[in-house]
Amino acid sequence: MKVCVAGATGAIGIQLVPQLATAGHDVIAMTRSPAKTDALRALGARPVVADALDPDAVAGAMAETEPEVIVHQLTALKGEPGLREMRHPDRFAAMTNRLRTEGTDHLLAAGRAVGIRRFIAQSVVAIGTYARTGGSVTTEDDPPDLDLPAKLRSGADAIRYLEDAVTGIEGAEGIVLRYGAFYGPGTSISADPEALLTKAIRKRRFPIIGGGGGVWSFVHIEDAASATVAAVEDGGAGIYNVVDDEPAPVREWLLFLAEQLGASKPRRVPRFVVRLLAGEAPVLMMTKVRGGSNAKAKRELGWQPRWSSWRVGFAKGLGE
């Protein structure tokens, strides 16, 4: 099929484009930077230049290329915030929130105009995705968290906006992929010593907060891309958790990751200290978040993660 990837130069985009090309698809890679077009050609794509926040540019790019499938991977998260930056998560995520609202609207409108068959968009399993009640592992049918601190609401609202708009599209299949925390080449957890979370863990700047009971779901970046290929080829409308088989509490995975990186054990910091330094957001992220089940993605997309557990992935799959 003819597939347009918006956000093709991001961490998942640079994995997704060659996987789609290898599978025989005609890949169109949308970027706002003319300087990145040669790199996209080298990955096997036909680049098209357009700013996702410019509706006329997006409409023109889609009219020119006429994709059958649009994959929305647009974010503007240029790194992970430190504890002090987490005091203002609304500012950190402001541009990504625009891409998840305005950018989604522009891509959907342009896609409808050219008669797309399928629209696939990136979402996340994170704070706000699922209510902080019940068990530690959630499914796509569980309710969202509507009781968030004020500075986390804009990000959660933008994600819900995207999910509602995509799954409500008329005349095409709307698919939302809720990815777990990325790791592997090009992400903030990788073998690259300058990768942001890798660097923070090695410097003991990524602590276990309170009891470290927040449950995270991870997905290797290559597995996130392969699940997206599966959705492109045979995805039914709806929402899917794209995560590995083993949701785990922070106190477990963070200690293991530090060991694999040859770092000292992470510090343990009381919740009240972090609240004073950074507000409520990192406290919730490290103590209250819920993980996700991948049963639906396996069953309905026919997807199997190569790295079924972060344990194996952290030990062998961080890459360079």
Protein backbone atom coordinates (compact mmCIF):
# COMPACT_ATOMS: atom_id res chain seq x y z
CA MET A 1 0.00 0.00 0.00
CA LYS A 2 0.94 3.64 -0.24
CA VAL A 3 1.68 4.70 3.35
CA CYS A 4 2.44 8.21 4.59
CA VAL A 5 4.40 8.43 7.85
CA ALA A 6 4.12 11.82 9.54
CA GLY A 7 6.93 12.14 12.05
CA ALA A 8 9.22 9.93 10.00
CA THR A 9 12.47 11.22 11.54
CA GLY A 10 11.51 10.53 15.15
CA ALA A 11 12.76 7.55 17.17
CA ILE A 12 9.97 5.27 15.97
CA GLY A 13 9.78 6.79 12.49
CA ILE A 14 13.34 5.85 11.59
CA GLN A 15 12.57 2.26 12.59
CA LEU A 16 9.14 2.19 10.96
CA VAL A 17 10.05 3.57 7.53
CA PRO A 18 12.56 0.81 6.62
CA GLN A 19 10.30 -1.91 8.05
CA LEU A 20 7.44 -0.70 5.84
CA ALA A 21 9.74 -0.46 2.81
CA THR A 22 11.11 -3.96 3.42
CA ALA A 23 7.53 -5.25 3.59
CA GLY A 24 6.96 -3.88 0.08
CA HIS A 25 4.98 -0.74 0.83
CA ASP A 26 5.37 2.55 -1.03
CA VAL A 27 6.46 4.80 1.86
CA ILE A 28 5.95 8.55 1.86
CA ALA A 29 7.81 10.28 4.69
CA MET A 30 6.50 13.68 5.80
CA THR A 31 9.00 16.06 7.37
CA ARG A 32 8.97 19.80 7.93
CA SER A 33 12.75 19.99 7.34
CA PRO A 34 14.13 19.95 3.78
CA ALA A 35 17.52 19.06 5.30
CA LYS A 36 16.21 15.63 6.30
CA THR A 37 14.97 14.51 2.90
CA ASP A 38 18.19 12.74 1.87
CA ALA A 39 18.22 10.72 5.10
CA LEU A 40 14.63 9.66 4.47
CA ARG A 41 15.43 8.55 0.93
CA ALA A 42 18.25 6.43 2.38
CA LEU A 43 15.69 4.71 4.61
CA GLY A 44 13.61 3.75 1.58
CA ALA A 45 10.99 6.52 1.56
CA ARG A 46 9.84 9.29 -0.77
CA PRO A 47 10.08 12.48 1.30
CA VAL A 48 7.49 15.23 1.25
CA VAL A 49 8.01 18.52 3.08
CA ALA A 50 5.15 19.97 5.12
CA ASP A 51 4.64 21.52 8.56
CA ALA A 52 1.95 19.50 10.35
CA LEU A 53 0.59 22.67 11.95
CA ASP A 54 0.00 24.28 8.54
CA PRO A 55 -3.30 22.86 7.24
CA ASP A 56 -2.72 24.05 3.67
CA ALA A 57 0.73 22.47 3.55
CA VAL A 58 -0.60 19.17 4.90
CA ALA A 59 -3.52 19.19 2.46
CA GLY A 60 -1.14 19.88 -0.42
CA ALA A 61 1.24 17.10 0.58
CA MET A 62 -1.57 14.56 0.84
CA ALA A 63 -3.14 15.68 -2.44
CA GLU A 64 0.24 15.33 -4.15
CA THR A 65 1.01 11.84 -2.81
CA GLU A 66 -2.51 10.34 -2.31
CA PRO A 67 -1.69 7.82 0.44
CA GLU A 68 -4.00 4.95 1.31
CA VAL A 69 -2.81 4.93 4.93
CA ILE A 70 -1.60 7.76 7.16
CA VAL A 71 0.53 6.98 10.23
CA HIS A 72 0.64 9.87 12.72
CA GLN A 73 3.85 9.66 14.78
CA LEU A 74 4.27 13.39 15.41
CA THR A 75 5.66 14.57 18.74
CA ALA A 76 8.00 17.36 19.83
CA LEU A 77 9.48 15.81 22.97
CA LYS A 78 13.13 16.75 22.63
CA GLY A 79 14.32 14.73 25.60
CA GLU A 80 13.13 13.75 29.03
CA PRO A 81 12.59 16.48 31.65
CA GLY A 82 14.53 16.43 34.90
CA LEU A 83 12.85 16.60 38.28
CA ARG A 84 12.82 20.38 38.33
CA GLU A 85 11.42 20.63 34.78
CA MET A 86 8.66 18.23 35.78
CA ARG A 87 7.22 21.01 37.92
CA HIS A 88 5.79 22.35 34.64
CA PRO A 89 4.90 19.32 32.48
CA ASP A 90 2.30 21.43 30.70
CA ARG A 91 5.09 23.63 29.29
CA PHE A 92 7.32 20.68 28.39
CA ALA A 93 4.55 19.03 26.36
CA ALA A 94 2.96 22.18 24.88
CA MET A 95 4.10 21.65 21.28
CA THR A 96 3.35 17.93 21.37
CA ASN A 97 -0.14 18.77 22.63
CA ARG A 98 -0.64 20.98 19.58
CA LEU A 99 0.52 18.19 17.29
CA ARG A 100 -1.93 15.81 18.98
CA THR A 101 -4.82 18.22 18.53
CA GLU A 102 -4.29 20.63 15.63
CA GLY A 103 -1.90 18.31 13.83
CA THR A 104 -4.32 15.40 14.14
CA ASP A 105 -7.16 17.52 12.73
CA HIS A 106 -5.05 18.59 9.74
CA LEU A 107 -3.94 15.06 8.92
CA LEU A 108 -7.45 13.66 9.30
CA ALA A 109 -8.97 16.35 7.08
CA ALA A 110 -6.32 15.86 4.41
CA GLY A 111 -6.69 12.10 4.63
CA ARG A 112 -10.45 12.21 4.21
CA ALA A 113 -10.04 14.47 1.18
CA VAL A 114 -7.93 11.85 -0.62
CA GLY A 115 -9.99 8.87 0.52
CA ILE A 116 -7.61 7.08 2.88
CA ARG A 117 -8.48 3.56 4.00
CA ARG A 118 -6.80 3.65 7.40
CA PHE A 119 -5.48 6.24 9.86
CA ILE A 120 -3.10 5.13 12.63
CA ALA A 121 -1.97 7.40 15.46
CA GLN A 122 0.52 7.26 18.31
CA SER A 123 -0.75 7.35 21.89
CA VAL A 124 0.85 6.17 25.13
CA VAL A 125 0.43 3.99 28.20
CA ALA A 126 1.35 6.55 30.86
CA ILE A 127 -0.05 8.76 33.60
CA GLY A 128 -3.58 9.72 32.60
CA THR A 129 -4.15 6.80 30.24
CA TYR A 130 -5.73 4.55 32.85
CA ALA A 131 -7.35 5.28 36.20
CA ARG A 132 -5.13 4.68 39.23
CA THR A 133 -7.53 2.16 40.71
CA GLY A 134 -7.92 -1.61 40.66
CA GLY A 135 -5.15 -3.91 39.55
CA SER A 136 -1.68 -2.98 38.35
CA VAL A 137 -2.27 -4.13 34.75
CA THR A 138 -4.97 -2.57 32.59
CA THR A 139 -6.71 -3.31 29.30
CA GLU A 140 -7.99 -1.04 26.57
CA ASP A 141 -11.48 -1.23 28.11
CA ASP A 142 -10.41 0.29 31.43
CA PRO A 143 -11.39 3.94 32.06
CA PRO A 144 -8.98 6.89 31.82
CA ASP A 145 -7.68 8.82 34.79
CA LEU A 146 -9.86 11.92 35.10
CA ASP A 147 -8.52 12.98 38.49
CA LEU A 148 -5.16 14.49 37.57
CA PRO A 149 -3.22 17.47 38.96
CA ALA A 150 -3.88 20.64 37.00
CA LYS A 151 -0.50 20.70 35.22
CA LEU A 152 -0.98 17.18 33.86
CA ARG A 153 -4.46 17.76 32.47
CA SER A 154 -3.49 19.51 29.24
CA GLY A 155 -1.35 16.55 28.14
CA ALA A 156 -4.01 14.00 29.08
CA ASP A 157 -6.69 16.08 27.36
CA ALA A 158 -4.62 16.25 24.16
CA ILE A 159 -4.18 12.48 24.13
CA ARG A 160 -7.90 11.90 24.67
CA TYR A 161 -8.66 14.40 21.91
CA LEU A 162 -6.43 12.49 19.50
CA GLU A 163 -7.88 9.12 20.47
CA ASP A 164 -11.49 10.30 20.13
CA ALA A 165 -10.85 12.01 16.79
CA VAL A 166 -9.05 9.02 15.28
CA THR A 167 -11.43 6.32 16.48
CA GLY A 168 -14.36 8.51 15.40
CA ILE A 169 -13.18 9.01 11.81
CA GLU A 170 -15.82 8.30 9.17
CA GLY A 171 -15.14 6.39 5.98
CA ALA A 172 -11.88 4.82 7.15
CA GLU A 173 -10.50 2.63 9.92
CA GLY A 174 -9.18 4.68 12.83
CA ILE A 175 -6.51 2.93 14.90
CA VAL A 176 -4.81 4.19 18.06
CA LEU A 177 -1.63 2.51 19.27
CA ARG A 178 -0.87 3.11 22.95
CA TYR A 179 2.86 2.48 23.10
CA GLY A 180 4.69 1.62 26.28
CA ALA A 181 7.90 3.41 27.30
CA PHE A 182 10.39 3.17 24.44
CA TYR A 183 13.89 1.78 24.80
CA GLY A 184 16.55 0.75 22.31
CA PRO A 185 18.49 2.64 19.60
CA GLY A 186 17.60 6.30 19.26
CA THR A 187 15.59 6.46 22.50
CA SER A 188 16.32 7.87 25.94
CA ILE A 189 17.19 4.36 27.21
CA SER A 190 19.91 2.95 24.99
CA ALA A 191 23.57 1.99 24.92
CA ASP A 192 24.44 5.53 23.88
CA PRO A 193 26.08 7.10 26.97
CA GLU A 194 24.44 10.42 26.08
CA ALA A 195 20.92 8.96 25.95
CA LEU A 196 19.02 11.04 28.48
CA LEU A 197 17.68 8.44 30.90
CA THR A 198 20.77 6.27 30.50
CA LYS A 199 22.90 9.26 31.45
CA ALA A 200 20.64 10.20 34.36
CA ILE A 201 20.70 6.66 35.76
CA ARG A 202 24.47 6.45 35.52
CA LYS A 203 24.75 9.74 37.42
CA ARG A 204 22.18 8.59 40.02
CA ARG A 205 19.81 11.37 39.00
CA PHE A 206 16.83 9.08 38.35
CA PRO A 207 15.75 7.96 41.82
CA ILE A 208 13.24 5.49 43.15
CA ILE A 209 10.53 7.69 44.63
CA GLY A 210 8.75 6.42 47.70
CA GLY A 211 8.22 2.69 47.41
CA GLY A 212 8.67 2.73 43.63
CA GLY A 213 5.33 1.02 43.15
CA GLY A 214 4.36 2.63 39.84
CA VAL A 215 3.97 -0.09 37.20
CA TRP A 216 5.51 0.66 33.81
CA SER A 217 5.03 -1.10 30.51
CA PHE A 218 7.93 -1.03 28.07
CA VAL A 219 8.31 -1.77 24.37
CA HIS A 220 11.51 -2.02 22.36
CA ILE A 221 11.50 0.61 19.61
CA GLU A 222 11.83 -2.08 16.90
CA ASP A 223 8.81 -3.91 18.34
CA ALA A 224 6.82 -0.68 18.41
CA ALA A 225 7.56 -0.30 14.71
CA SER A 226 6.64 -3.93 13.90
CA ALA A 227 3.30 -3.54 15.68
CA THR A 228 2.67 -0.44 13.59
CA VAL A 229 3.41 -2.37 10.39
CA ALA A 230 0.90 -5.00 11.55
CA ALA A 231 -1.71 -2.27 12.08
CA VAL A 232 -1.00 -0.79 8.64
CA GLU A 233 -1.48 -4.15 6.95
CA ASP A 234 -4.39 -5.66 8.81
CA GLY A 235 -5.49 -3.47 11.71
CA GLY A 236 -9.12 -3.23 12.72
CA ALA A 237 -10.49 0.04 14.06
CA GLY A 238 -9.93 0.61 17.76
CA ILE A 239 -7.31 1.09 20.46
CA TYR A 240 -4.39 -1.28 21.15
CA ASN A 241 -1.78 -1.39 23.90
CA VAL A 242 1.61 -1.94 22.24
CA VAL A 243 3.71 -3.14 25.17
CA ASP A 244 5.81 -6.14 26.13
CA ASP A 245 4.66 -9.12 28.19
CA GLU A 246 5.90 -7.98 31.58
CA PRO A 247 4.61 -4.80 33.22
CA ALA A 248 6.83 -4.14 36.24
CA PRO A 249 7.14 -1.76 39.21
CA VAL A 250 9.77 0.96 39.10
CA ARG A 251 11.66 -0.51 42.05
CA GLU A 252 12.22 -3.69 40.01
CA TRP A 253 13.03 -2.52 36.49
CA LEU A 254 15.10 0.50 37.55
CA LEU A 255 17.41 -1.56 39.74
CA PHE A 256 17.86 -4.10 36.94
CA LEU A 257 18.53 -1.42 34.33
CA ALA A 258 21.11 0.31 36.54
CA GLU A 259 22.89 -3.01 36.95
CA GLN A 260 22.93 -3.62 33.18
CA LEU A 261 24.37 -0.14 32.65
CA GLY A 262 27.08 -0.73 35.23
CA ALA A 263 25.69 2.08 37.35
CA SER A 264 25.36 2.37 41.12
CA LYS A 265 22.02 1.56 42.68
CA PRO A 266 19.52 4.39 42.26
CA ARG A 267 18.92 6.61 45.24
CA ARG A 268 15.68 6.33 47.18
CA VAL A 269 13.93 9.64 47.77
CA PRO A 270 10.79 10.22 49.89
CA ARG A 271 7.69 11.41 48.06
CA PHE A 272 7.46 14.66 49.99
CA VAL A 273 10.97 15.69 48.91
CA VAL A 274 10.12 15.17 45.25
CA ARG A 275 6.83 17.04 45.65
CA LEU A 276 8.77 20.03 47.01
CA LEU A 277 11.31 19.92 44.16
CA ALA A 278 9.16 18.95 41.21
CA GLY A 279 5.50 18.78 42.11
CA GLU A 280 3.12 15.86 41.84
CA ALA A 281 3.83 14.64 38.29
CA PRO A 282 6.99 12.58 38.91
CA VAL A 283 5.53 11.22 42.15
CA LEU A 284 2.54 9.82 40.25
CA MET A 285 4.76 8.55 37.43
CA MET A 286 6.97 6.61 39.81
CA THR A 287 4.42 5.44 42.38
CA LYS A 288 0.91 5.29 40.89
CA VAL A 289 0.98 4.66 37.13
CA ARG A 290 -0.57 1.42 35.80
CA GLY A 291 0.85 -0.91 33.17
CA GLY A 292 -0.97 -2.33 30.16
CA SER A 293 -1.83 -5.75 28.76
CA ASN A 294 -0.81 -6.57 25.18
CA ALA A 295 -3.32 -9.42 24.77
CA LYS A 296 -5.54 -7.51 22.33
CA ALA A 297 -2.65 -6.46 20.07
CA LYS A 298 -1.38 -10.03 19.95
CA ARG A 299 -4.82 -11.45 19.27
CA GLU A 300 -6.19 -8.94 16.76
CA LEU A 301 -3.05 -7.61 15.06
CA GLY A 302 -1.23 -10.96 15.04
CA TRP A 303 1.73 -9.19 16.60
CA GLN A 304 4.45 -10.79 18.71
CA PRO A 305 7.18 -8.64 20.27
CA ARG A 306 10.68 -9.90 19.54
CA TRP A 307 11.74 -8.59 22.95
CA SER A 308 8.98 -10.11 25.06
CA SER A 309 10.38 -8.73 28.32
CA TRP A 310 12.33 -5.64 29.27
CA ARG A 311 14.63 -8.00 31.21
CA VAL A 312 15.99 -9.49 28.00
CA GLY A 313 15.74 -6.20 26.17
CA PHE A 314 17.71 -4.24 28.76
CA ALA A 315 20.36 -6.96 28.85
CA LYS A 316 20.71 -7.52 25.10
CA GLY A 317 18.61 -5.10 23.10
CA LEU A 318 19.69 -1.56 23.99
CA GLY A 319 21.78 -1.30 20.81
CA GLU A 320 24.01 1.64 19.95
